[in-house]
Amino acid sequence: MKLSNIVLLSLLVAFINACSRIQDSIVGSWQDPEKRNSCIVFKKDGTFTSSGGGLTVSGSYTFTNGNQMTMKFEQSMFGVEAVATQVSIEGNTLVVSDQKSSQNIMKLERAQCQ
């Protein structure tokens, strides 16, 4: 096997590992540090539930390419059925940004939600 093939294969394996790590790392409860009465829970089965302010929203999430995540809502939210996002996790902080504009949608911290 040529050295270039080995390098390419190594990079591919590293990329796949990085993708699976963010998918595993997002699982759990997250909370806006400024709004302690809100919580979003990402489950390992690819579903999520978000609650806060008397509103509960459920749906599914899938990672489509590395840190790109699509969130689909069970019921349309203000005419929106799905959101394409980019996700980054550093330590106990989760940042969810709009995929097109890169504008932050949510900045959350890992939490034990009630």
PDB file of N, CA and C in Angstrom:
ATOM      1  N   MET A   1       0.854  -1.178   0.000  1.00  0.00           N
ATOM      2  CA  MET A   1       0.000   0.000   0.000  1.00  0.00           C
ATOM      3  C   MET A   1       0.899   1.240   0.000  1.00  0.00           C
ATOM      4  N   LYS A   2       0.605   2.165  -0.862  1.00  0.00           N
ATOM      5  CA  LYS A   2       1.394   3.388  -0.940  1.00  0.00           C
ATOM      6  C   LYS A   2       1.230   4.225   0.321  1.00  0.00           C
ATOM      7  N   LEU A   3       2.242   5.009   0.605  1.00  0.00           N
ATOM      8  CA  LEU A   3       2.203   5.886   1.780  1.00  0.00           C
ATOM      9  C   LEU A   3       1.029   6.857   1.699  1.00  0.00           C
ATOM     10  N   SER A   4       0.733   7.379   0.505  1.00  0.00           N
ATOM     11  CA  SER A   4      -0.383   8.320   0.363  1.00  0.00           C
ATOM     12  C   SER A   4      -1.716   7.655   0.678  1.00  0.00           C
ATOM     13  N   ASN A   5      -1.879   6.374   0.330  1.00  0.00           N
ATOM     14  CA  ASN A   5      -3.110   5.651   0.667  1.00  0.00           C
ATOM     15  C   ASN A   5      -3.238   5.445   2.169  1.00  0.00           C
ATOM     16  N   ILE A   6      -2.121   5.176   2.814  1.00  0.00           N
ATOM     17  CA  ILE A   6      -2.130   4.983   4.270  1.00  0.00           C
ATOM     18  C   ILE A   6      -2.507   6.296   4.965  1.00  0.00           C
ATOM     19  N   VAL A   7      -1.930   7.401   4.510  1.00  0.00           N
ATOM     20  CA  VAL A   7      -2.242   8.711   5.087  1.00  0.00           C
ATOM     21  C   VAL A   7      -3.717   9.031   4.877  1.00  0.00           C
ATOM     22  N   LEU A   8      -4.223   8.799   3.669  1.00  0.00           N
ATOM     23  CA  LEU A   8      -5.632   9.062   3.364  1.00  0.00           C
ATOM     24  C   LEU A   8      -6.551   8.217   4.235  1.00  0.00           C
ATOM     25  N   LEU A   9      -6.224   6.943   4.380  1.00  0.00           N
ATOM     26  CA  LEU A   9      -7.019   6.052   5.221  1.00  0.00           C
ATOM     27  C   LEU A   9      -6.994   6.519   6.677  1.00  0.00           C
ATOM     28  N   SER A  10      -5.840   6.940   7.167  1.00  0.00           N
ATOM     29  CA  SER A  10      -5.720   7.434   8.547  1.00  0.00           C
ATOM     30  C   SER A  10      -6.582   8.676   8.764  1.00  0.00           C
ATOM     31  N   LEU A  11      -6.570   9.598   7.795  1.00  0.00           N
ATOM     32  CA  LEU A  11      -7.399  10.802   7.895  1.00  0.00           C
ATOM     33  C   LEU A  11      -8.879  10.455   7.891  1.00  0.00           C
ATOM     34  N   LEU A  12      -9.276   9.504   7.070  1.00  0.00           N
ATOM     35  CA  LEU A  12     -10.678   9.081   7.011  1.00  0.00           C
ATOM     36  C   LEU A  12     -11.112   8.485   8.343  1.00  0.00           C
ATOM     37  N   VAL A  13     -10.291   7.637   8.926  1.00  0.00           N
ATOM     38  CA  VAL A  13     -10.610   7.035  10.231  1.00  0.00           C
ATOM     39  C   VAL A  13     -10.716   8.116  11.300  1.00  0.00           C
ATOM     40  N   ALA A  14      -9.811   9.083  11.303  1.00  0.00           N
ATOM     41  CA  ALA A  14      -9.855  10.182  12.283  1.00  0.00           C
ATOM     42  C   ALA A  14     -11.128  10.996  12.109  1.00  0.00           C
ATOM     43  N   PHE A  15     -11.537  11.261  10.861  1.00  0.00           N
ATOM     44  CA  PHE A  15     -12.758  12.021  10.598  1.00  0.00           C
ATOM     45  C   PHE A  15     -13.986  11.268  11.100  1.00  0.00           C
ATOM     46  N   ILE A  16     -14.058   9.968  10.830  1.00  0.00           N
ATOM     47  CA  ILE A  16     -15.203   9.157  11.283  1.00  0.00           C
ATOM     48  C   ILE A  16     -15.261   9.132  12.802  1.00  0.00           C
ATOM     49  N   ASN A  17     -14.114   8.998  13.467  1.00  0.00           N
ATOM     50  CA  ASN A  17     -14.082   9.012  14.936  1.00  0.00           C
ATOM     51  C   ASN A  17     -14.551  10.351  15.486  1.00  0.00           C
ATOM     52  N   ALA A  18     -14.145  11.454  14.879  1.00  0.00           N
ATOM     53  CA  ALA A  18     -14.564  12.783  15.340  1.00  0.00           C
ATOM     54  C   ALA A  18     -16.068  12.945  15.187  1.00  0.00           C
ATOM     55  N   CYS A  19     -16.627  12.457  14.098  1.00  0.00           N
ATOM     56  CA  CYS A  19     -18.075  12.557  13.872  1.00  0.00           C
ATOM     57  C   CYS A  19     -18.840  11.769  14.921  1.00  0.00           C
ATOM     58  N   SER A  20     -18.387  10.548  15.211  1.00  0.00           N
ATOM     59  CA  SER A  20     -19.116   9.732  16.177  1.00  0.00           C
ATOM     60  C   SER A  20     -18.975  10.300  17.581  1.00  0.00           C
ATOM     61  N   ARG A  21     -17.851  10.969  17.867  1.00  0.00           N
ATOM     62  CA  ARG A  21     -17.681  11.560  19.195  1.00  0.00           C
ATOM     63  C   ARG A  21     -18.679  12.673  19.453  1.00  0.00           C
ATOM     64  N   ILE A  22     -18.940  13.543  18.469  1.00  0.00           N
ATOM     65  CA  ILE A  22     -19.900  14.624  18.691  1.00  0.00           C
ATOM     66  C   ILE A  22     -21.308  14.054  18.813  1.00  0.00           C
ATOM     67  N   GLN A  23     -21.604  12.996  18.063  1.00  0.00           N
ATOM     68  CA  GLN A  23     -22.908  12.352  18.176  1.00  0.00           C
ATOM     69  C   GLN A  23     -23.099  11.747  19.561  1.00  0.00           C
ATOM     70  N   ASP A  24     -22.034  11.182  20.115  1.00  0.00           N
ATOM     71  CA  ASP A  24     -22.110  10.615  21.463  1.00  0.00           C
ATOM     72  C   ASP A  24     -22.107  11.708  22.522  1.00  0.00           C
ATOM     73  N   SER A  25     -21.332  12.760  22.290  1.00  0.00           N
ATOM     74  CA  SER A  25     -21.190  13.826  23.286  1.00  0.00           C
ATOM     75  C   SER A  25     -22.449  14.648  23.471  1.00  0.00           C
ATOM     76  N   ILE A  26     -23.292  14.732  22.442  1.00  0.00           N
ATOM     77  CA  ILE A  26     -24.495  15.568  22.555  1.00  0.00           C
ATOM     78  C   ILE A  26     -25.568  14.916  23.426  1.00  0.00           C
ATOM     79  N   VAL A  27     -25.481  13.604  23.596  1.00  0.00           N
ATOM     80  CA  VAL A  27     -26.490  12.881  24.371  1.00  0.00           C
ATOM     81  C   VAL A  27     -26.474  13.357  25.818  1.00  0.00           C
ATOM     82  N   GLY A  28     -27.659  13.716  26.318  1.00  0.00           N
ATOM     83  CA  GLY A  28     -27.789  14.175  27.699  1.00  0.00           C
ATOM     84  C   GLY A  28     -28.633  15.430  27.795  1.00  0.00           C
ATOM     85  N   SER A  29     -28.610  16.042  28.947  1.00  0.00           N
ATOM     86  CA  SER A  29     -29.427  17.222  29.240  1.00  0.00           C
ATOM     87  C   SER A  29     -28.588  18.483  29.143  1.00  0.00           C
ATOM     88  N   TRP A  30     -29.172  19.524  28.539  1.00  0.00           N
ATOM     89  CA  TRP A  30     -28.508  20.809  28.349  1.00  0.00           C
ATOM     90  C   TRP A  30     -29.459  21.924  28.753  1.00  0.00           C
ATOM     91  N   GLN A  31     -28.888  22.999  29.286  1.00  0.00           N
ATOM     92  CA  GLN A  31     -29.704  24.087  29.807  1.00  0.00           C
ATOM     93  C   GLN A  31     -29.046  25.429  29.498  1.00  0.00           C
ATOM     94  N   ASP A  32     -29.887  26.425  29.191  1.00  0.00           N
ATOM     95  CA  ASP A  32     -29.400  27.793  29.005  1.00  0.00           C
ATOM     96  C   ASP A  32     -29.037  28.315  30.389  1.00  0.00           C
ATOM     97  N   PRO A  33     -27.779  28.739  30.611  1.00  0.00           N
ATOM     98  CA  PRO A  33     -27.381  29.185  31.948  1.00  0.00           C
ATOM     99  C   PRO A  33     -28.145  30.416  32.436  1.00  0.00           C
ATOM    100  N   GLU A  34     -28.733  31.172  31.512  1.00  0.00           N
ATOM    101  CA  GLU A  34     -29.500  32.357  31.904  1.00  0.00           C
ATOM    102  C   GLU A  34     -30.982  32.054  32.099  1.00  0.00           C
ATOM    103  N   LYS A  35     -31.448  30.921  31.630  1.00  0.00           N
ATOM    104  CA  LYS A  35     -32.857  30.531  31.740  1.00  0.00           C
ATOM    105  C   LYS A  35     -32.923  29.135  32.340  1.00  0.00           C
ATOM    106  N   ARG A  36     -32.755  29.056  33.618  1.00  0.00           N
ATOM    107  CA  ARG A  36     -32.678  27.760  34.299  1.00  0.00           C
ATOM    108  C   ARG A  36     -33.976  26.949  34.218  1.00  0.00           C
ATOM    109  N   ASN A  37     -35.075  27.564  33.778  1.00  0.00           N
ATOM    110  CA  ASN A  37     -36.332  26.828  33.696  1.00  0.00           C
ATOM    111  C   ASN A  37     -36.514  26.162  32.335  1.00  0.00           C
ATOM    112  N   SER A  38     -35.496  26.232  31.467  1.00  0.00           N
ATOM    113  CA  SER A  38     -35.585  25.580  30.165  1.00  0.00           C
ATOM    114  C   SER A  38     -34.550  24.465  30.075  1.00  0.00           C
ATOM    115  N   CYS A  39     -34.872  23.443  29.281  1.00  0.00           N
ATOM    116  CA  CYS A  39     -33.990  22.293  29.183  1.00  0.00           C
ATOM    117  C   CYS A  39     -34.215  21.597  27.843  1.00  0.00           C
ATOM    118  N   ILE A  40     -33.146  21.109  27.244  1.00  0.00           N
ATOM    119  CA  ILE A  40     -33.265  20.263  26.062  1.00  0.00           C
ATOM    120  C   ILE A  40     -32.504  18.975  26.343  1.00  0.00           C
ATOM    121  N   VAL A  41     -33.146  17.859  26.029  1.00  0.00           N
ATOM    122  CA  VAL A  41     -32.557  16.550  26.267  1.00  0.00           C
ATOM    123  C   VAL A  41     -32.411  15.841  24.927  1.00  0.00           C
ATOM    124  N   PHE A  42     -31.169  15.495  24.588  1.00  0.00           N
ATOM    125  CA  PHE A  42     -30.883  14.712  23.390  1.00  0.00           C
ATOM    126  C   PHE A  42     -30.690  13.264  23.824  1.00  0.00           C
ATOM    127  N   LYS A  43     -31.455  12.360  23.219  1.00  0.00           N
ATOM    128  CA  LYS A  43     -31.362  10.940  23.565  1.00  0.00           C
ATOM    129  C   LYS A  43     -30.531  10.204  22.527  1.00  0.00           C
ATOM    130  N   LYS A  44     -29.971   9.087  22.939  1.00  0.00           N
ATOM    131  CA  LYS A  44     -29.106   8.284  22.070  1.00  0.00           C
ATOM    132  C   LYS A  44     -29.860   7.756  20.844  1.00  0.00           C
ATOM    133  N   ASP A  45     -31.186   7.604  20.957  1.00  0.00           N
ATOM    134  CA  ASP A  45     -31.978   7.069  19.841  1.00  0.00           C
ATOM    135  C   ASP A  45     -32.254   8.102  18.746  1.00  0.00           C
ATOM    136  N   GLY A  46     -31.695   9.322  18.884  1.00  0.00           N
ATOM    137  CA  GLY A  46     -31.864  10.337  17.855  1.00  0.00           C
ATOM    138  C   GLY A  46     -33.093  11.215  18.040  1.00  0.00           C
ATOM    139  N   THR A  47     -33.664  11.221  19.241  1.00  0.00           N
ATOM    140  CA  THR A  47     -34.802  12.096  19.540  1.00  0.00           C
ATOM    141  C   THR A  47     -34.394  13.150  20.552  1.00  0.00           C
ATOM    142  N   PHE A  48     -35.164  14.220  20.608  1.00  0.00           N
ATOM    143  CA  PHE A  48     -34.919  15.270  21.594  1.00  0.00           C
ATOM    144  C   PHE A  48     -36.244  15.789  22.113  1.00  0.00           C
ATOM    145  N   THR A  49     -36.196  16.359  23.307  1.00  0.00           N
ATOM    146  CA  THR A  49     -37.326  17.045  23.914  1.00  0.00           C
ATOM    147  C   THR A  49     -36.801  18.332  24.520  1.00  0.00           C
ATOM    148  N   SER A  50     -37.474  19.424  24.217  1.00  0.00           N
ATOM    149  CA  SER A  50     -37.101  20.726  24.748  1.00  0.00           C
ATOM    150  C   SER A  50     -38.297  21.284  25.511  1.00  0.00           C
ATOM    151  N   SER A  51     -38.042  21.782  26.708  1.00  0.00           N
ATOM    152  CA  SER A  51     -39.136  22.350  27.493  1.00  0.00           C
ATOM    153  C   SER A  51     -38.674  23.637  28.158  1.00  0.00           C
ATOM    154  N   GLY A  52     -39.632  24.527  28.325  1.00  0.00           N
ATOM    155  CA  GLY A  52     -39.347  25.797  28.981  1.00  0.00           C
ATOM    156  C   GLY A  52     -40.419  26.803  28.667  1.00  0.00           C
ATOM    157  N   GLY A  53     -40.719  27.651  29.621  1.00  0.00           N
ATOM    158  CA  GLY A  53     -41.716  28.690  29.413  1.00  0.00           C
ATOM    159  C   GLY A  53     -43.102  28.150  29.112  1.00  0.00           C
ATOM    160  N   GLY A  54     -43.422  26.971  29.648  1.00  0.00           N
ATOM    161  CA  GLY A  54     -44.735  26.381  29.436  1.00  0.00           C
ATOM    162  C   GLY A  54     -44.900  25.698  28.084  1.00  0.00           C
ATOM    163  N   LEU A  55     -43.825  25.582  27.318  1.00  0.00           N
ATOM    164  CA  LEU A  55     -43.871  24.984  25.986  1.00  0.00           C
ATOM    165  C   LEU A  55     -42.963  23.765  25.946  1.00  0.00           C
ATOM    166  N   THR A  56     -43.453  22.667  25.362  1.00  0.00           N
ATOM    167  CA  THR A  56     -42.626  21.475  25.174  1.00  0.00           C
ATOM    168  C   THR A  56     -42.602  21.141  23.692  1.00  0.00           C
ATOM    169  N   VAL A  57     -41.398  20.926  23.175  1.00  0.00           N
ATOM    170  CA  VAL A  57     -41.203  20.613  21.763  1.00  0.00           C
ATOM    171  C   VAL A  57     -40.411  19.312  21.682  1.00  0.00           C
ATOM    172  N   SER A  58     -40.860  18.410  20.814  1.00  0.00           N
ATOM    173  CA  SER A  58     -40.163  17.140  20.615  1.00  0.00           C
ATOM    174  C   SER A  58     -39.846  16.957  19.142  1.00  0.00           C
ATOM    175  N   GLY A  59     -38.899  16.085  18.892  1.00  0.00           N
ATOM    176  CA  GLY A  59     -38.565  15.789  17.510  1.00  0.00           C
ATOM    177  C   GLY A  59     -37.394  14.838  17.421  1.00  0.00           C
ATOM    178  N   SER A  60     -36.751  14.858  16.266  1.00  0.00           N
ATOM    179  CA  SER A  60     -35.611  13.981  16.042  1.00  0.00           C
ATOM    180  C   SER A  60     -34.435  14.810  15.540  1.00  0.00           C
ATOM    181  N   TYR A  61     -33.254  14.241  15.690  1.00  0.00           N
ATOM    182  CA  TYR A  61     -32.053  14.902  15.184  1.00  0.00           C
ATOM    183  C   TYR A  61     -31.171  13.872  14.491  1.00  0.00           C
ATOM    184  N   THR A  62     -30.491  14.323  13.440  1.00  0.00           N
ATOM    185  CA  THR A  62     -29.544  13.471  12.732  1.00  0.00           C
ATOM    186  C   THR A  62     -28.327  14.300  12.365  1.00  0.00           C
ATOM    187  N   PHE A  63     -27.176  13.668  12.425  1.00  0.00           N
ATOM    188  CA  PHE A  63     -25.956  14.310  11.964  1.00  0.00           C
ATOM    189  C   PHE A  63     -25.762  13.914  10.510  1.00  0.00           C
ATOM    190  N   THR A  64     -25.603  14.921   9.661  1.00  0.00           N
ATOM    191  CA  THR A  64     -25.525  14.660   8.233  1.00  0.00           C
ATOM    192  C   THR A  64     -24.102  14.701   7.697  1.00  0.00           C
ATOM    193  N   ASN A  65     -23.232  15.484   8.318  1.00  0.00           N
ATOM    194  CA  ASN A  65     -21.865  15.618   7.825  1.00  0.00           C
ATOM    195  C   ASN A  65     -21.005  16.223   8.924  1.00  0.00           C
ATOM    196  N   GLY A  66     -20.295  15.394   9.642  1.00  0.00           N
ATOM    197  CA  GLY A  66     -19.449  15.899  10.719  1.00  0.00           C
ATOM    198  C   GLY A  66     -20.258  16.543  11.821  1.00  0.00           C
ATOM    199  N   ASN A  67     -20.150  17.872  11.940  1.00  0.00           N
ATOM    200  CA  ASN A  67     -20.848  18.588  13.004  1.00  0.00           C
ATOM    201  C   ASN A  67     -22.157  19.216  12.520  1.00  0.00           C
ATOM    202  N   GLN A  68     -22.609  18.860  11.328  1.00  0.00           N
ATOM    203  CA  GLN A  68     -23.872  19.397  10.810  1.00  0.00           C
ATOM    204  C   GLN A  68     -25.026  18.509  11.277  1.00  0.00           C
ATOM    205  N   MET A  69     -25.995  19.138  11.940  1.00  0.00           N
ATOM    206  CA  MET A  69     -27.109  18.404  12.522  1.00  0.00           C
ATOM    207  C   MET A  69     -28.424  18.992  12.027  1.00  0.00           C
ATOM    208  N   THR A  70     -29.345  18.123  11.657  1.00  0.00           N
ATOM    209  CA  THR A  70     -30.696  18.547  11.289  1.00  0.00           C
ATOM    210  C   THR A  70     -31.635  18.169  12.415  1.00  0.00           C
ATOM    211  N   MET A  71     -32.402  19.147  12.882  1.00  0.00           N
ATOM    212  CA  MET A  71     -33.415  18.914  13.914  1.00  0.00           C
ATOM    213  C   MET A  71     -34.781  19.013  13.250  1.00  0.00           C
ATOM    214  N   LYS A  72     -35.569  17.930  13.344  1.00  0.00           N
ATOM    215  CA  LYS A  72     -36.924  17.906  12.785  1.00  0.00           C
ATOM    216  C   LYS A  72     -37.914  17.898  13.941  1.00  0.00           C
ATOM    217  N   PHE A  73     -38.909  18.779  13.853  1.00  0.00           N
ATOM    218  CA  PHE A  73     -39.896  18.910  14.915  1.00  0.00           C
ATOM    219  C   PHE A  73     -41.103  18.018  14.633  1.00  0.00           C
ATOM    220  N   GLU A  74     -41.652  17.398  15.694  1.00  0.00           N
ATOM    221  CA  GLU A  74     -42.852  16.576  15.534  1.00  0.00           C
ATOM    222  C   GLU A  74     -44.014  17.415  15.028  1.00  0.00           C
ATOM    223  N   GLN A  75     -44.122  18.635  15.537  1.00  0.00           N
ATOM    224  CA  GLN A  75     -45.147  19.573  15.090  1.00  0.00           C
ATOM    225  C   GLN A  75     -44.447  20.841  14.637  1.00  0.00           C
ATOM    226  N   SER A  76     -44.948  21.426  13.575  1.00  0.00           N
ATOM    227  CA  SER A  76     -44.365  22.642  13.034  1.00  0.00           C
ATOM    228  C   SER A  76     -44.307  23.729  14.102  1.00  0.00           C
ATOM    229  N   MET A  77     -43.156  24.414  14.186  1.00  0.00           N
ATOM    230  CA  MET A  77     -42.990  25.530  15.119  1.00  0.00           C
ATOM    231  C   MET A  77     -42.975  26.819  14.324  1.00  0.00           C
ATOM    232  N   PHE A  78     -44.044  27.589  14.415  1.00  0.00           N
ATOM    233  CA  PHE A  78     -44.141  28.861  13.703  1.00  0.00           C
ATOM    234  C   PHE A  78     -43.890  28.664  12.207  1.00  0.00           C
ATOM    235  N   GLY A  79     -44.407  27.553  11.669  1.00  0.00           N
ATOM    236  CA  GLY A  79     -44.257  27.251  10.254  1.00  0.00           C
ATOM    237  C   GLY A  79     -42.954  26.570   9.885  1.00  0.00           C
ATOM    238  N   VAL A  80     -42.096  26.305  10.866  1.00  0.00           N
ATOM    239  CA  VAL A  80     -40.807  25.659  10.611  1.00  0.00           C
ATOM    240  C   VAL A  80     -40.897  24.188  11.024  1.00  0.00           C
ATOM    241  N   GLU A  81     -40.543  23.296  10.104  1.00  0.00           N
ATOM    242  CA  GLU A  81     -40.599  21.862  10.398  1.00  0.00           C
ATOM    243  C   GLU A  81     -39.238  21.262  10.723  1.00  0.00           C
ATOM    244  N   ALA A  82     -38.174  21.916  10.247  1.00  0.00           N
ATOM    245  CA  ALA A  82     -36.823  21.408  10.485  1.00  0.00           C
ATOM    246  C   ALA A  82     -35.827  22.570  10.465  1.00  0.00           C
ATOM    247  N   VAL A  83     -34.710  22.367  11.146  1.00  0.00           N
ATOM    248  CA  VAL A  83     -33.654  23.378  11.201  1.00  0.00           C
ATOM    249  C   VAL A  83     -32.323  22.685  10.915  1.00  0.00           C
ATOM    250  N   ALA A  84     -31.546  23.257   9.982  1.00  0.00           N
ATOM    251  CA  ALA A  84     -30.209  22.754   9.685  1.00  0.00           C
ATOM    252  C   ALA A  84     -29.213  23.547  10.526  1.00  0.00           C
ATOM    253  N   THR A  85     -28.432  22.846  11.345  1.00  0.00           N
ATOM    254  CA  THR A  85     -27.540  23.511  12.289  1.00  0.00           C
ATOM    255  C   THR A  85     -26.114  22.976  12.193  1.00  0.00           C
ATOM    256  N   GLN A  86     -25.208  23.702  12.833  1.00  0.00           N
ATOM    257  CA  GLN A  86     -23.848  23.250  13.080  1.00  0.00           C
ATOM    258  C   GLN A  86     -23.694  23.171  14.586  1.00  0.00           C
ATOM    259  N   VAL A  87     -23.020  22.144  15.057  1.00  0.00           N
ATOM    260  CA  VAL A  87     -22.896  21.900  16.483  1.00  0.00           C
ATOM    261  C   VAL A  87     -21.423  21.872  16.877  1.00  0.00           C
ATOM    262  N   SER A  88     -21.121  22.511  17.996  1.00  0.00           N
ATOM    263  CA  SER A  88     -19.788  22.368  18.574  1.00  0.00           C
ATOM    264  C   SER A  88     -19.938  22.149  20.075  1.00  0.00           C
ATOM    265  N   ILE A  89     -19.103  21.281  20.597  1.00  0.00           N
ATOM    266  CA  ILE A  89     -19.108  20.991  22.029  1.00  0.00           C
ATOM    267  C   ILE A  89     -17.685  21.135  22.535  1.00  0.00           C
ATOM    268  N   GLU A  90     -17.532  22.001  23.532  1.00  0.00           N
ATOM    269  CA  GLU A  90     -16.241  22.161  24.205  1.00  0.00           C
ATOM    270  C   GLU A  90     -16.487  22.013  25.691  1.00  0.00           C
ATOM    271  N   GLY A  91     -15.942  20.960  26.262  1.00  0.00           N
ATOM    272  CA  GLY A  91     -16.168  20.714  27.679  1.00  0.00           C
ATOM    273  C   GLY A  91     -17.644  20.496  27.936  1.00  0.00           C
ATOM    274  N   ASN A  92     -18.226  21.339  28.786  1.00  0.00           N
ATOM    275  CA  ASN A  92     -19.644  21.242  29.124  1.00  0.00           C
ATOM    276  C   ASN A  92     -20.488  22.284  28.413  1.00  0.00           C
ATOM    277  N   THR A  93     -19.983  22.842  27.320  1.00  0.00           N
ATOM    278  CA  THR A  93     -20.717  23.873  26.582  1.00  0.00           C
ATOM    279  C   THR A  93     -21.062  23.381  25.186  1.00  0.00           C
ATOM    280  N   LEU A  94     -22.339  23.506  24.845  1.00  0.00           N
ATOM    281  CA  LEU A  94     -22.867  23.136  23.531  1.00  0.00           C
ATOM    282  C   LEU A  94     -23.299  24.409  22.823  1.00  0.00           C
ATOM    283  N   VAL A  95     -22.777  24.615  21.618  1.00  0.00           N
ATOM    284  CA  VAL A  95     -23.190  25.757  20.807  1.00  0.00           C
ATOM    285  C   VAL A  95     -23.848  25.216  19.550  1.00  0.00           C
ATOM    286  N   VAL A  96     -25.084  25.661  19.304  1.00  0.00           N
ATOM    287  CA  VAL A  96     -25.832  25.276  18.115  1.00  0.00           C
ATOM    288  C   VAL A  96     -25.999  26.539  17.272  1.00  0.00           C
ATOM    289  N   SER A  97     -25.511  26.485  16.033  1.00  0.00           N
ATOM    290  CA  SER A  97     -25.545  27.638  15.135  1.00  0.00           C
ATOM    291  C   SER A  97     -26.338  27.305  13.881  1.00  0.00           C
ATOM    292  N   ASP A  98     -26.886  28.337  13.250  1.00  0.00           N
ATOM    293  CA  ASP A  98     -27.561  28.169  11.967  1.00  0.00           C
ATOM    294  C   ASP A  98     -26.523  27.759  10.929  1.00  0.00           C
ATOM    295  N   GLN A  99     -26.839  26.742  10.143  1.00  0.00           N
ATOM    296  CA  GLN A  99     -25.883  26.209   9.182  1.00  0.00           C
ATOM    297  C   GLN A  99     -25.538  27.206   8.076  1.00  0.00           C
ATOM    298  N   LYS A 100     -26.498  28.012   7.663  1.00  0.00           N
ATOM    299  CA  LYS A 100     -26.267  28.945   6.558  1.00  0.00           C
ATOM    300  C   LYS A 100     -25.585  30.230   7.024  1.00  0.00           C
ATOM    301  N   SER A 101     -26.084  30.833   8.091  1.00  0.00           N
ATOM    302  CA  SER A 101     -25.566  32.134   8.531  1.00  0.00           C
ATOM    303  C   SER A 101     -24.480  32.028   9.600  1.00  0.00           C
ATOM    304  N   SER A 102     -24.328  30.862  10.195  1.00  0.00           N
ATOM    305  CA  SER A 102     -23.406  30.619  11.311  1.00  0.00           C
ATOM    306  C   SER A 102     -23.763  31.421  12.562  1.00  0.00           C
ATOM    307  N   GLN A 103     -24.953  32.005  12.591  1.00  0.00           N
ATOM    308  CA  GLN A 103     -25.412  32.750  13.764  1.00  0.00           C
ATOM    309  C   GLN A 103     -25.799  31.766  14.869  1.00  0.00           C
ATOM    310  N   ASN A 104     -25.354  32.051  16.106  1.00  0.00           N
ATOM    311  CA  ASN A 104     -25.686  31.175  17.229  1.00  0.00           C
ATOM    312  C   ASN A 104     -27.188  31.154  17.475  1.00  0.00           C
ATOM    313  N   ILE A 105     -27.723  29.944  17.605  1.00  0.00           N
ATOM    314  CA  ILE A 105     -29.125  29.757  17.951  1.00  0.00           C
ATOM    315  C   ILE A 105     -29.248  29.506  19.451  1.00  0.00           C
ATOM    316  N   MET A 106     -28.359  28.649  19.967  1.00  0.00           N
ATOM    317  CA  MET A 106     -28.372  28.301  21.383  1.00  0.00           C
ATOM    318  C   MET A 106     -26.949  28.132  21.884  1.00  0.00           C
ATOM    319  N   LYS A 107     -26.719  28.565  23.117  1.00  0.00           N
ATOM    320  CA  LYS A 107     -25.473  28.268  23.822  1.00  0.00           C
ATOM    321  C   LYS A 107     -25.885  27.696  25.166  1.00  0.00           C
ATOM    322  N   LEU A 108     -25.622  26.414  25.338  1.00  0.00           N
ATOM    323  CA  LEU A 108     -26.137  25.672  26.486  1.00  0.00           C
ATOM    324  C   LEU A 108     -25.010  25.054  27.279  1.00  0.00           C
ATOM    325  N   GLU A 109     -25.330  24.714  28.529  1.00  0.00           N
ATOM    326  CA  GLU A 109     -24.386  24.006  29.389  1.00  0.00           C
ATOM    327  C   GLU A 109     -24.994  22.678  29.804  1.00  0.00           C
ATOM    328  N   ARG A 110     -24.133  21.685  29.954  1.00  0.00           N
ATOM    329  CA  ARG A 110     -24.606  20.371  30.417  1.00  0.00           C
ATOM    330  C   ARG A 110     -25.236  20.552  31.789  1.00  0.00           C
ATOM    331  N   ALA A 111     -26.375  19.896  32.008  1.00  0.00           N
ATOM    332  CA  ALA A 111     -27.117  20.114  33.256  1.00  0.00           C
ATOM    333  C   ALA A 111     -27.906  18.876  33.648  1.00  0.00           C
ATOM    334  N   GLN A 112     -28.347  18.865  34.870  1.00  0.00           N
ATOM    335  CA  GLN A 112     -29.300  17.867  35.351  1.00  0.00           C
ATOM    336  C   GLN A 112     -30.664  18.529  35.393  1.00  0.00           C
ATOM    337  N   CYS A 113     -31.442  18.341  34.351  1.00  0.00           N
ATOM    338  CA  CYS A 113     -32.743  19.006  34.264  1.00  0.00           C
ATOM    339  C   CYS A 113     -33.787  18.245  35.058  1.00  0.00           C
ATOM    340  N   GLN A 114     -34.743  19.004  35.537  1.00  0.00           N
ATOM    341  CA  GLN A 114     -35.845  18.413  36.303  1.00  0.00           C
ATOM    342  C   GLN A 114     -36.913  17.894  35.389  1.00  0.00           C
TER     343      GLN A 114
END
